[in-house]
Each structure stands twice: as C-alpha cells, then as structure tokens.
Full PDB file with SEQRES, HELIX, SHEET, SSBOND, CRYST1, ORIGX, SCALE, CONECT and MASTER records, all heavy atoms in Angstrom:
SEQRES   1 A   40  ALA VAL GLU TRP LEU ILE GLU LYS PRO VAL PRO ASN ASN          
SEQRES   2 A   40  GLY GLY ALA GLY ALA PHE LEU ASP VAL GLY LEU GLY LYS          
SEQRES   3 A   40  THR SER CYS VAL LEU GLU ALA PHE LYS ARG LEU LYS GLU          
SEQRES   4 A   40  ALA                                                          
HELIX    1 AA1 VAL A    2  GLU A    7  1                                   6    
HELIX    2 AA2 PRO A   11  ASN A   13  5                                   3    
HELIX    3 AA3 LYS A   26  GLU A   39  1                                  14    
CRYST1    1.000    1.000    1.000  90.00  90.00  90.00 P 1           1          
ORIGX1      1.000000  0.000000  0.000000        0.00000                         
ORIGX2      0.000000  1.000000  0.000000        0.00000                         
ORIGX3      0.000000  0.000000  1.000000        0.00000                         
SCALE1      1.000000  0.000000  0.000000        0.00000                         
SCALE2      0.000000  1.000000  0.000000        0.00000                         
SCALE3      0.000000  0.000000  1.000000        0.00000                         
ATOM      1  N   ALA A   1      10.569 -11.800 -15.171  1.00  0.00           N  
ATOM      2  CA  ALA A   1      10.591 -11.137 -13.863  1.00  0.00           C  
ATOM      3  C   ALA A   1      11.107  -9.702 -13.992  1.00  0.00           C  
ATOM      4  O   ALA A   1      10.544  -8.777 -13.397  1.00  0.00           O  
ATOM      5  CB  ALA A   1      11.458 -11.927 -12.890  1.00  0.00           C  
ATOM      6  N   VAL A   2      12.162  -9.498 -14.788  1.00  0.00           N  
ATOM      7  CA  VAL A   2      12.714  -8.160 -14.993  1.00  0.00           C  
ATOM      8  C   VAL A   2      11.668  -7.252 -15.627  1.00  0.00           C  
ATOM      9  O   VAL A   2      11.446  -6.121 -15.170  1.00  0.00           O  
ATOM     10  CB  VAL A   2      13.999  -8.207 -15.856  1.00  0.00           C  
ATOM     11  CG1 VAL A   2      14.424  -6.810 -16.291  1.00  0.00           C  
ATOM     12  CG2 VAL A   2      15.119  -8.912 -15.111  1.00  0.00           C  
ATOM     13  N   GLU A   3      11.014  -7.730 -16.672  1.00  0.00           N  
ATOM     14  CA  GLU A   3       9.979  -6.923 -17.333  1.00  0.00           C  
ATOM     15  C   GLU A   3       8.842  -6.592 -16.375  1.00  0.00           C  
ATOM     16  O   GLU A   3       8.328  -5.476 -16.376  1.00  0.00           O  
ATOM     17  CB  GLU A   3       9.444  -7.640 -18.575  1.00  0.00           C  
ATOM     18  CG  GLU A   3      10.465  -7.780 -19.683  1.00  0.00           C  
ATOM     19  CD  GLU A   3      11.069  -6.454 -20.118  1.00  0.00           C  
ATOM     20  OE1 GLU A   3      10.340  -5.450 -20.225  1.00  0.00           O  
ATOM     21  OE2 GLU A   3      12.296  -6.429 -20.352  1.00  0.00           O  
ATOM     22  N   TRP A   4       8.443  -7.555 -15.544  1.00  0.00           N  
ATOM     23  CA  TRP A   4       7.375  -7.312 -14.569  1.00  0.00           C  
ATOM     24  C   TRP A   4       7.792  -6.211 -13.595  1.00  0.00           C  
ATOM     25  O   TRP A   4       7.011  -5.307 -13.307  1.00  0.00           O  
ATOM     26  CB  TRP A   4       7.028  -8.597 -13.810  1.00  0.00           C  
ATOM     27  CG  TRP A   4       5.907  -8.403 -12.850  1.00  0.00           C  
ATOM     28  CD1 TRP A   4       4.571  -8.494 -13.116  1.00  0.00           C  
ATOM     29  CD2 TRP A   4       6.002  -8.069 -11.467  1.00  0.00           C  
ATOM     30  NE1 TRP A   4       3.838  -8.238 -11.983  1.00  0.00           N  
ATOM     31  CE2 TRP A   4       4.700  -7.974 -10.956  1.00  0.00           C  
ATOM     32  CE3 TRP A   4       7.077  -7.842 -10.608  1.00  0.00           C  
ATOM     33  CZ2 TRP A   4       4.430  -7.650  -9.630  1.00  0.00           C  
ATOM     34  CZ3 TRP A   4       6.814  -7.528  -9.287  1.00  0.00           C  
ATOM     35  CH2 TRP A   4       5.506  -7.439  -8.823  1.00  0.00           C  
ATOM     36  N   LEU A   5       9.029  -6.281 -13.103  1.00  0.00           N  
ATOM     37  CA  LEU A   5       9.511  -5.266 -12.164  1.00  0.00           C  
ATOM     38  C   LEU A   5       9.559  -3.887 -12.814  1.00  0.00           C  
ATOM     39  O   LEU A   5       9.246  -2.883 -12.177  1.00  0.00           O  
ATOM     40  CB  LEU A   5      10.897  -5.646 -11.642  1.00  0.00           C  
ATOM     41  CG  LEU A   5      10.947  -6.823 -10.679  1.00  0.00           C  
ATOM     42  CD1 LEU A   5      12.387  -7.302 -10.491  1.00  0.00           C  
ATOM     43  CD2 LEU A   5      10.326  -6.468  -9.335  1.00  0.00           C  
ATOM     44  N   ILE A   6       9.936  -3.829 -14.080  1.00  0.00           N  
ATOM     45  CA  ILE A   6      10.024  -2.551 -14.782  1.00  0.00           C  
ATOM     46  C   ILE A   6       8.640  -1.979 -15.078  1.00  0.00           C  
ATOM     47  O   ILE A   6       8.401  -0.783 -14.917  1.00  0.00           O  
ATOM     48  CB  ILE A   6      10.825  -2.708 -16.093  1.00  0.00           C  
ATOM     49  CG1 ILE A   6      12.294  -2.959 -15.769  1.00  0.00           C  
ATOM     50  CG2 ILE A   6      10.669  -1.483 -16.994  1.00  0.00           C  
ATOM     51  CD1 ILE A   6      13.124  -3.346 -16.968  1.00  0.00           C  
ATOM     52  N   GLU A   7       7.725  -2.825 -15.496  1.00  0.00           N  
ATOM     53  CA  GLU A   7       6.405  -2.359 -15.923  1.00  0.00           C  
ATOM     54  C   GLU A   7       5.413  -2.223 -14.783  1.00  0.00           C  
ATOM     55  O   GLU A   7       4.360  -1.627 -14.956  1.00  0.00           O  
ATOM     56  CB  GLU A   7       5.851  -3.307 -16.984  1.00  0.00           C  
ATOM     57  CG  GLU A   7       6.681  -3.290 -18.256  1.00  0.00           C  
ATOM     58  CD  GLU A   7       6.290  -4.368 -19.239  1.00  0.00           C  
ATOM     59  OE1 GLU A   7       5.309  -5.092 -18.987  1.00  0.00           O  
ATOM     60  OE2 GLU A   7       6.984  -4.490 -20.259  1.00  0.00           O  
ATOM     61  N   LYS A   8       5.724  -2.758 -13.619  1.00  0.00           N  
ATOM     62  CA  LYS A   8       4.803  -2.712 -12.475  1.00  0.00           C  
ATOM     63  C   LYS A   8       4.505  -1.264 -12.130  1.00  0.00           C  
ATOM     64  O   LYS A   8       5.418  -0.491 -11.843  1.00  0.00           O  
ATOM     65  CB  LYS A   8       5.454  -3.415 -11.274  1.00  0.00           C  
ATOM     66  CG  LYS A   8       4.652  -3.395 -10.019  1.00  0.00           C  
ATOM     67  CD  LYS A   8       3.753  -4.597  -9.965  1.00  0.00           C  
ATOM     68  CE  LYS A   8       3.042  -4.665  -8.630  1.00  0.00           C  
ATOM     69  NZ  LYS A   8       1.649  -4.355  -8.747  1.00  0.00           N  
ATOM     70  N   PRO A   9       3.232  -0.872 -12.179  1.00  0.00           N  
ATOM     71  CA  PRO A   9       2.910   0.508 -11.802  1.00  0.00           C  
ATOM     72  C   PRO A   9       3.109   0.687 -10.295  1.00  0.00           C  
ATOM     73  O   PRO A   9       2.579  -0.071  -9.500  1.00  0.00           O  
ATOM     74  CB  PRO A   9       1.440   0.664 -12.195  1.00  0.00           C  
ATOM     75  CG  PRO A   9       0.907  -0.723 -12.245  1.00  0.00           C  
ATOM     76  CD  PRO A   9       2.066  -1.634 -12.570  1.00  0.00           C  
ATOM     77  N   VAL A  10       3.935   1.643  -9.953  1.00  0.00           N  
ATOM     78  CA  VAL A  10       4.202   1.904  -8.542  1.00  0.00           C  
ATOM     79  C   VAL A  10       3.904   3.363  -8.226  1.00  0.00           C  
ATOM     80  O   VAL A  10       4.759   4.225  -8.339  1.00  0.00           O  
ATOM     81  CB  VAL A  10       5.658   1.542  -8.160  1.00  0.00           C  
ATOM     82  CG1 VAL A  10       5.829   0.051  -8.029  1.00  0.00           C  
ATOM     83  CG2 VAL A  10       6.644   2.065  -9.177  1.00  0.00           C  
ATOM     84  N   PRO A  11       2.653   3.643  -7.834  1.00  0.00           N  
ATOM     85  CA  PRO A  11       2.295   5.036  -7.537  1.00  0.00           C  
ATOM     86  C   PRO A  11       3.051   5.550  -6.317  1.00  0.00           C  
ATOM     87  O   PRO A  11       3.381   4.800  -5.410  1.00  0.00           O  
ATOM     88  CB  PRO A  11       0.793   4.950  -7.267  1.00  0.00           C  
ATOM     89  CG  PRO A  11       0.550   3.547  -6.843  1.00  0.00           C  
ATOM     90  CD  PRO A  11       1.576   2.715  -7.572  1.00  0.00           C  
ATOM     91  N   ASN A  12       3.324   6.825  -6.317  1.00  0.00           N  
ATOM     92  CA  ASN A  12       3.978   7.489  -5.188  1.00  0.00           C  
ATOM     93  C   ASN A  12       5.316   6.845  -4.817  1.00  0.00           C  
ATOM     94  O   ASN A  12       5.638   6.666  -3.644  1.00  0.00           O  
ATOM     95  CB  ASN A  12       3.048   7.511  -3.962  1.00  0.00           C  
ATOM     96  CG  ASN A  12       1.731   8.193  -4.274  1.00  0.00           C  
ATOM     97  OD1 ASN A  12       1.718   9.210  -4.947  1.00  0.00           O  
ATOM     98  ND2 ASN A  12       0.647   7.635  -3.805  1.00  0.00           N  
ATOM     99  N   ASN A  13       6.085   6.467  -5.820  1.00  0.00           N  
ATOM    100  CA  ASN A  13       7.391   5.840  -5.576  1.00  0.00           C  
ATOM    101  C   ASN A  13       7.279   4.628  -4.671  1.00  0.00           C  
ATOM    102  O   ASN A  13       8.082   4.420  -3.781  1.00  0.00           O  
ATOM    103  CB  ASN A  13       8.385   6.852  -4.993  1.00  0.00           C  
ATOM    104  CG  ASN A  13       8.715   7.940  -5.978  1.00  0.00           C  
ATOM    105  OD1 ASN A  13       8.850   7.694  -7.158  1.00  0.00           O  
ATOM    106  ND2 ASN A  13       8.826   9.153  -5.491  1.00  0.00           N  
ATOM    107  N   GLY A  14       6.274   3.827  -4.904  1.00  0.00           N  
ATOM    108  CA  GLY A  14       6.049   2.617  -4.119  1.00  0.00           C  
ATOM    109  C   GLY A  14       7.129   1.597  -4.380  1.00  0.00           C  
ATOM    110  O   GLY A  14       8.263   1.928  -4.662  1.00  0.00           O  
ATOM    111  N   GLY A  15       6.779   0.357  -4.336  1.00  0.00           N  
ATOM    112  CA  GLY A  15       7.791  -0.661  -4.523  1.00  0.00           C  
ATOM    113  C   GLY A  15       7.225  -1.897  -5.185  1.00  0.00           C  
ATOM    114  O   GLY A  15       6.038  -1.986  -5.477  1.00  0.00           O  
ATOM    115  N   ALA A  16       8.096  -2.829  -5.410  1.00  0.00           N  
ATOM    116  CA  ALA A  16       7.705  -4.098  -6.011  1.00  0.00           C  
ATOM    117  C   ALA A  16       8.557  -5.179  -5.358  1.00  0.00           C  
ATOM    118  O   ALA A  16       9.625  -4.906  -4.831  1.00  0.00           O  
ATOM    119  CB  ALA A  16       7.946  -4.076  -7.520  1.00  0.00           C  
ATOM    120  N   GLY A  17       8.073  -6.377  -5.397  1.00  0.00           N  
ATOM    121  CA  GLY A  17       8.818  -7.486  -4.809  1.00  0.00           C  
ATOM    122  C   GLY A  17       9.076  -8.571  -5.839  1.00  0.00           C  
ATOM    123  O   GLY A  17       8.299  -8.759  -6.765  1.00  0.00           O  
ATOM    124  N   ALA A  18      10.186  -9.254  -5.659  1.00  0.00           N  
ATOM    125  CA  ALA A  18      10.525 -10.387  -6.516  1.00  0.00           C  
ATOM    126  C   ALA A  18      10.475 -11.638  -5.641  1.00  0.00           C  
ATOM    127  O   ALA A  18      11.282 -11.789  -4.731  1.00  0.00           O  
ATOM    128  CB  ALA A  18      11.912 -10.204  -7.113  1.00  0.00           C  
ATOM    129  N   PHE A  19       9.524 -12.489  -5.904  1.00  0.00           N  
ATOM    130  CA  PHE A  19       9.337 -13.685  -5.090  1.00  0.00           C  
ATOM    131  C   PHE A  19       9.555 -14.929  -5.936  1.00  0.00           C  
ATOM    132  O   PHE A  19       8.637 -15.505  -6.482  1.00  0.00           O  
ATOM    133  CB  PHE A  19       7.932 -13.683  -4.469  1.00  0.00           C  
ATOM    134  CG  PHE A  19       7.695 -12.501  -3.567  1.00  0.00           C  
ATOM    135  CD1 PHE A  19       7.041 -11.378  -4.038  1.00  0.00           C  
ATOM    136  CD2 PHE A  19       8.166 -12.514  -2.264  1.00  0.00           C  
ATOM    137  CE1 PHE A  19       6.838 -10.277  -3.216  1.00  0.00           C  
ATOM    138  CE2 PHE A  19       7.970 -11.421  -1.436  1.00  0.00           C  
ATOM    139  CZ  PHE A  19       7.305 -10.293  -1.916  1.00  0.00           C  
ATOM    140  N   LEU A  20      10.815 -15.306  -6.064  1.00  0.00           N  
ATOM    141  CA  LEU A  20      11.210 -16.522  -6.764  1.00  0.00           C  
ATOM    142  C   LEU A  20      11.832 -17.445  -5.732  1.00  0.00           C  
ATOM    143  O   LEU A  20      12.289 -17.004  -4.683  1.00  0.00           O  
ATOM    144  CB  LEU A  20      12.225 -16.213  -7.866  1.00  0.00           C  
ATOM    145  CG  LEU A  20      11.770 -15.301  -9.001  1.00  0.00           C  
ATOM    146  CD1 LEU A  20      12.952 -14.909  -9.874  1.00  0.00           C  
ATOM    147  CD2 LEU A  20      10.715 -15.987  -9.826  1.00  0.00           C  
ATOM    148  N   ASP A  21      11.898 -18.717  -6.038  1.00  0.00           N  
ATOM    149  CA  ASP A  21      12.513 -19.668  -5.123  1.00  0.00           C  
ATOM    150  C   ASP A  21      14.001 -19.376  -4.939  1.00  0.00           C  
ATOM    151  O   ASP A  21      14.625 -18.692  -5.755  1.00  0.00           O  
ATOM    152  CB  ASP A  21      12.332 -21.103  -5.622  1.00  0.00           C  
ATOM    153  CG  ASP A  21      10.909 -21.620  -5.422  1.00  0.00           C  
ATOM    154  OD1 ASP A  21      10.198 -21.090  -4.551  1.00  0.00           O  
ATOM    155  OD2 ASP A  21      10.521 -22.550  -6.152  1.00  0.00           O  
ATOM    156  N   VAL A  22      14.567 -19.920  -3.883  1.00  0.00           N  
ATOM    157  CA  VAL A  22      15.986 -19.765  -3.571  1.00  0.00           C  
ATOM    158  C   VAL A  22      16.837 -20.224  -4.755  1.00  0.00           C  
ATOM    159  O   VAL A  22      16.594 -21.276  -5.340  1.00  0.00           O  
ATOM    160  CB  VAL A  22      16.338 -20.588  -2.311  1.00  0.00           C  
ATOM    161  CG1 VAL A  22      17.834 -20.560  -2.050  1.00  0.00           C  
ATOM    162  CG2 VAL A  22      15.576 -20.080  -1.108  1.00  0.00           C  
ATOM    163  N   GLY A  23      17.808 -19.407  -5.124  1.00  0.00           N  
ATOM    164  CA  GLY A  23      18.747 -19.769  -6.171  1.00  0.00           C  
ATOM    165  C   GLY A  23      18.308 -19.502  -7.596  1.00  0.00           C  
ATOM    166  O   GLY A  23      19.013 -19.857  -8.542  1.00  0.00           O  
ATOM    167  N   LEU A  24      17.149 -18.864  -7.780  1.00  0.00           N  
ATOM    168  CA  LEU A  24      16.660 -18.624  -9.141  1.00  0.00           C  
ATOM    169  C   LEU A  24      17.026 -17.241  -9.693  1.00  0.00           C  
ATOM    170  O   LEU A  24      16.605 -16.885 -10.782  1.00  0.00           O  
ATOM    171  CB  LEU A  24      15.142 -18.829  -9.202  1.00  0.00           C  
ATOM    172  CG  LEU A  24      14.679 -20.264  -9.018  1.00  0.00           C  
ATOM    173  CD1 LEU A  24      13.157 -20.356  -9.132  1.00  0.00           C  
ATOM    174  CD2 LEU A  24      15.333 -21.195 -10.035  1.00  0.00           C  
ATOM    175  N   GLY A  25      17.818 -16.473  -8.953  1.00  0.00           N  
ATOM    176  CA  GLY A  25      18.338 -15.227  -9.501  1.00  0.00           C  
ATOM    177  C   GLY A  25      17.547 -13.979  -9.210  1.00  0.00           C  
ATOM    178  O   GLY A  25      17.540 -13.061 -10.030  1.00  0.00           O  
ATOM    179  N   LYS A  26      16.912 -13.915  -8.055  1.00  0.00           N  
ATOM    180  CA  LYS A  26      16.161 -12.709  -7.699  1.00  0.00           C  
ATOM    181  C   LYS A  26      17.055 -11.471  -7.691  1.00  0.00           C  
ATOM    182  O   LYS A  26      16.689 -10.424  -8.218  1.00  0.00           O  
ATOM    183  CB  LYS A  26      15.511 -12.862  -6.318  1.00  0.00           C  
ATOM    184  CG  LYS A  26      14.384 -13.845  -6.246  1.00  0.00           C  
ATOM    185  CD  LYS A  26      13.827 -13.958  -4.840  1.00  0.00           C  
ATOM    186  CE  LYS A  26      14.763 -14.600  -3.859  1.00  0.00           C  
ATOM    187  NZ  LYS A  26      15.089 -15.997  -4.102  1.00  0.00           N  
ATOM    188  N   THR A  27      18.231 -11.610  -7.090  1.00  0.00           N  
ATOM    189  CA  THR A  27      19.130 -10.461  -6.964  1.00  0.00           C  
ATOM    190  C   THR A  27      19.498  -9.913  -8.343  1.00  0.00           C  
ATOM    191  O   THR A  27      19.397  -8.710  -8.582  1.00  0.00           O  
ATOM    192  CB  THR A  27      20.399 -10.855  -6.185  1.00  0.00           C  
ATOM    193  OG1 THR A  27      20.012 -11.363  -4.901  1.00  0.00           O  
ATOM    194  CG2 THR A  27      21.326  -9.673  -6.002  1.00  0.00           C  
ATOM    195  N   SER A  28      19.883 -10.771  -9.246  1.00  0.00           N  
ATOM    196  CA  SER A  28      20.262 -10.324 -10.597  1.00  0.00           C  
ATOM    197  C   SER A  28      19.075  -9.715 -11.337  1.00  0.00           C  
ATOM    198  O   SER A  28      19.242  -8.734 -12.064  1.00  0.00           O  
ATOM    199  CB  SER A  28      20.833 -11.491 -11.396  1.00  0.00           C  
ATOM    200  OG  SER A  28      21.995 -11.975 -10.778  1.00  0.00           O  
ATOM    201  N   CYS A  29      17.905 -10.276 -11.154  1.00  0.00           N  
ATOM    202  CA  CYS A  29      16.707  -9.723 -11.805  1.00  0.00           C  
ATOM    203  C   CYS A  29      16.441  -8.305 -11.308  1.00  0.00           C  
ATOM    204  O   CYS A  29      16.158  -7.403 -12.106  1.00  0.00           O  
ATOM    205  CB  CYS A  29      15.486 -10.599 -11.520  1.00  0.00           C  
ATOM    206  SG  CYS A  29      15.494 -12.191 -12.349  1.00  0.00           S  
ATOM    207  N   VAL A  30      16.534  -8.108 -10.011  1.00  0.00           N  
ATOM    208  CA  VAL A  30      16.293  -6.780  -9.440  1.00  0.00           C  
ATOM    209  C   VAL A  30      17.386  -5.807  -9.887  1.00  0.00           C  
ATOM    210  O   VAL A  30      17.092  -4.656 -10.216  1.00  0.00           O  
ATOM    211  CB  VAL A  30      16.190  -6.856  -7.901  1.00  0.00           C  
ATOM    212  CG1 VAL A  30      16.121  -5.478  -7.288  1.00  0.00           C  
ATOM    213  CG2 VAL A  30      14.962  -7.667  -7.495  1.00  0.00           C  
ATOM    214  N   LEU A  31      18.626  -6.261  -9.905  1.00  0.00           N  
ATOM    215  CA  LEU A  31      19.708  -5.396 -10.383  1.00  0.00           C  
ATOM    216  C   LEU A  31      19.498  -4.989 -11.837  1.00  0.00           C  
ATOM    217  O   LEU A  31      19.712  -3.825 -12.201  1.00  0.00           O  
ATOM    218  CB  LEU A  31      21.056  -6.103 -10.225  1.00  0.00           C  
ATOM    219  CG  LEU A  31      21.587  -6.196  -8.792  1.00  0.00           C  
ATOM    220  CD1 LEU A  31      22.748  -7.175  -8.716  1.00  0.00           C  
ATOM    221  CD2 LEU A  31      21.993  -4.823  -8.282  1.00  0.00           C  
ATOM    222  N   GLU A  32      19.094  -5.919 -12.682  1.00  0.00           N  
ATOM    223  CA  GLU A  32      18.841  -5.596 -14.096  1.00  0.00           C  
ATOM    224  C   GLU A  32      17.687  -4.616 -14.235  1.00  0.00           C  
ATOM    225  O   GLU A  32      17.767  -3.655 -15.013  1.00  0.00           O  
ATOM    226  CB  GLU A  32      18.572  -6.866 -14.897  1.00  0.00           C  
ATOM    227  CG  GLU A  32      18.286  -6.633 -16.363  1.00  0.00           C  
ATOM    228  CD  GLU A  32      19.453  -6.071 -17.154  1.00  0.00           C  
ATOM    229  OE1 GLU A  32      20.614  -6.157 -16.710  1.00  0.00           O  
ATOM    230  OE2 GLU A  32      19.196  -5.534 -18.255  1.00  0.00           O  
ATOM    231  N   ALA A  33      16.611  -4.841 -13.488  1.00  0.00           N  
ATOM    232  CA  ALA A  33      15.466  -3.921 -13.551  1.00  0.00           C  
ATOM    233  C   ALA A  33      15.889  -2.530 -13.098  1.00  0.00           C  
ATOM    234  O   ALA A  33      15.561  -1.531 -13.750  1.00  0.00           O  
ATOM    235  CB  ALA A  33      14.322  -4.451 -12.687  1.00  0.00           C  
ATOM    236  N   PHE A  34      16.638  -2.459 -12.013  1.00  0.00           N  
ATOM    237  CA  PHE A  34      17.100  -1.157 -11.517  1.00  0.00           C  
ATOM    238  C   PHE A  34      18.014  -0.475 -12.532  1.00  0.00           C  
ATOM    239  O   PHE A  34      17.880   0.715 -12.805  1.00  0.00           O  
ATOM    240  CB  PHE A  34      17.830  -1.311 -10.184  1.00  0.00           C  
ATOM    241  CG  PHE A  34      18.453  -0.037  -9.711  1.00  0.00           C  
ATOM    242  CD1 PHE A  34      17.661   1.044  -9.348  1.00  0.00           C  
ATOM    243  CD2 PHE A  34      19.827   0.102  -9.650  1.00  0.00           C  
ATOM    244  CE1 PHE A  34      18.231   2.236  -8.929  1.00  0.00           C  
ATOM    245  CE2 PHE A  34      20.415   1.287  -9.232  1.00  0.00           C  
ATOM    246  CZ  PHE A  34      19.610   2.354  -8.863  1.00  0.00           C  
ATOM    247  N   LYS A  35      18.941  -1.229 -13.101  1.00  0.00           N  
ATOM    248  CA  LYS A  35      19.858  -0.668 -14.100  1.00  0.00           C  
ATOM    249  C   LYS A  35      19.075  -0.050 -15.257  1.00  0.00           C  
ATOM    250  O   LYS A  35      19.353   1.067 -15.688  1.00  0.00           O  
ATOM    251  CB  LYS A  35      20.807  -1.755 -14.610  1.00  0.00           C  
ATOM    252  CG  LYS A  35      21.851  -1.245 -15.590  1.00  0.00           C  
ATOM    253  CD  LYS A  35      22.676  -2.372 -16.150  1.00  0.00           C  
ATOM    254  CE  LYS A  35      21.881  -3.012 -17.241  1.00  0.00           C  
ATOM    255  NZ  LYS A  35      22.552  -3.536 -18.377  1.00  0.00           N  
ATOM    256  N   ARG A  36      18.086  -0.759 -15.744  1.00  0.00           N  
ATOM    257  CA  ARG A  36      17.284  -0.246 -16.871  1.00  0.00           C  
ATOM    258  C   ARG A  36      16.470   0.987 -16.460  1.00  0.00           C  
ATOM    259  O   ARG A  36      16.366   1.951 -17.236  1.00  0.00           O  
ATOM    260  CB  ARG A  36      16.346  -1.333 -17.386  1.00  0.00           C  
ATOM    261  CG  ARG A  36      17.064  -2.443 -18.100  1.00  0.00           C  
ATOM    262  CD  ARG A  36      16.070  -3.315 -18.811  1.00  0.00           C  
ATOM    263  NE  ARG A  36      16.579  -4.634 -19.107  1.00  0.00           N  
ATOM    264  CZ  ARG A  36      15.849  -5.600 -19.607  1.00  0.00           C  
ATOM    265  NH1 ARG A  36      14.564  -5.423 -19.857  1.00  0.00           N  
ATOM    266  NH2 ARG A  36      16.387  -6.778 -19.860  1.00  0.00           N  
ATOM    267  N   LEU A  37      15.880   0.946 -15.269  1.00  0.00           N  
ATOM    268  CA  LEU A  37      15.110   2.103 -14.802  1.00  0.00           C  
ATOM    269  C   LEU A  37      16.019   3.310 -14.615  1.00  0.00           C  
ATOM    270  O   LEU A  37      15.644   4.438 -14.940  1.00  0.00           O  
ATOM    271  CB  LEU A  37      14.383   1.764 -13.497  1.00  0.00           C  
ATOM    272  CG  LEU A  37      13.212   0.796 -13.640  1.00  0.00           C  
ATOM    273  CD1 LEU A  37      12.752   0.305 -12.272  1.00  0.00           C  
ATOM    274  CD2 LEU A  37      12.058   1.453 -14.393  1.00  0.00           C  
ATOM    275  N   LYS A  38      17.209   3.074 -14.119  1.00  0.00           N  
ATOM    276  CA  LYS A  38      18.173   4.156 -13.926  1.00  0.00           C  
ATOM    277  C   LYS A  38      18.589   4.745 -15.274  1.00  0.00           C  
ATOM    278  O   LYS A  38      18.646   5.961 -15.436  1.00  0.00           O  
ATOM    279  CB  LYS A  38      19.385   3.627 -13.155  1.00  0.00           C  
ATOM    280  CG  LYS A  38      20.327   4.693 -12.696  1.00  0.00           C  
ATOM    281  CD  LYS A  38      21.409   4.112 -11.804  1.00  0.00           C  
ATOM    282  CE  LYS A  38      22.335   5.220 -11.364  1.00  0.00           C  
ATOM    283  NZ  LYS A  38      23.402   4.749 -10.515  1.00  0.00           N  
ATOM    284  N   GLU A  39      18.882   3.876 -16.238  1.00  0.00           N  
ATOM    285  CA  GLU A  39      19.266   4.338 -17.579  1.00  0.00           C  
ATOM    286  C   GLU A  39      18.156   5.134 -18.245  1.00  0.00           C  
ATOM    287  O   GLU A  39      18.420   6.045 -19.021  1.00  0.00           O  
ATOM    288  CB  GLU A  39      19.656   3.152 -18.456  1.00  0.00           C  
ATOM    289  CG  GLU A  39      20.977   2.515 -18.068  1.00  0.00           C  
ATOM    290  CD  GLU A  39      21.245   1.180 -18.764  1.00  0.00           C  
ATOM    291  OE1 GLU A  39      20.334   0.655 -19.444  1.00  0.00           O  
ATOM    292  OE2 GLU A  39      22.362   0.656 -18.606  1.00  0.00           O  
ATOM    293  N   ALA A  40      16.908   4.794 -17.940  1.00  0.00           N  
ATOM    294  CA  ALA A  40      15.754   5.487 -18.519  1.00  0.00           C  
ATOM    295  C   ALA A  40      15.398   6.760 -17.748  1.00  0.00           C  
ATOM    296  O   ALA A  40      14.453   7.457 -18.103  1.00  0.00           O  
ATOM    297  CB  ALA A  40      14.551   4.552 -18.552  1.00  0.00           C  
TER     298      ALA A  40                                                      
MASTER        0    0    0    3    0    0    0    6  297    1    0    4          
END                                                                             
C-alpha cells in the first residue's frame, strides 16, 4: 500500500486514497508514504 501511494502518478498535485478494511493500518501507511515523499 505504501509503495502504491508513493508511485501513484498524481498529475497537478492530485491525490490518492487508501482503501483498506478497518484496523488494517491505513493511517500508518499514509504517514509512511508521506514521510518518504517529504524526505525525497
């Protein structure tokens, strides 16, 4: 999920969504993707 969020092409500063079931760690996945994008 993290890799998908990072690699997802988002033209014009678009967005991406994380659609996992309740309790599967969507928040942490998005935080990790953001952290990596920020570091890059």
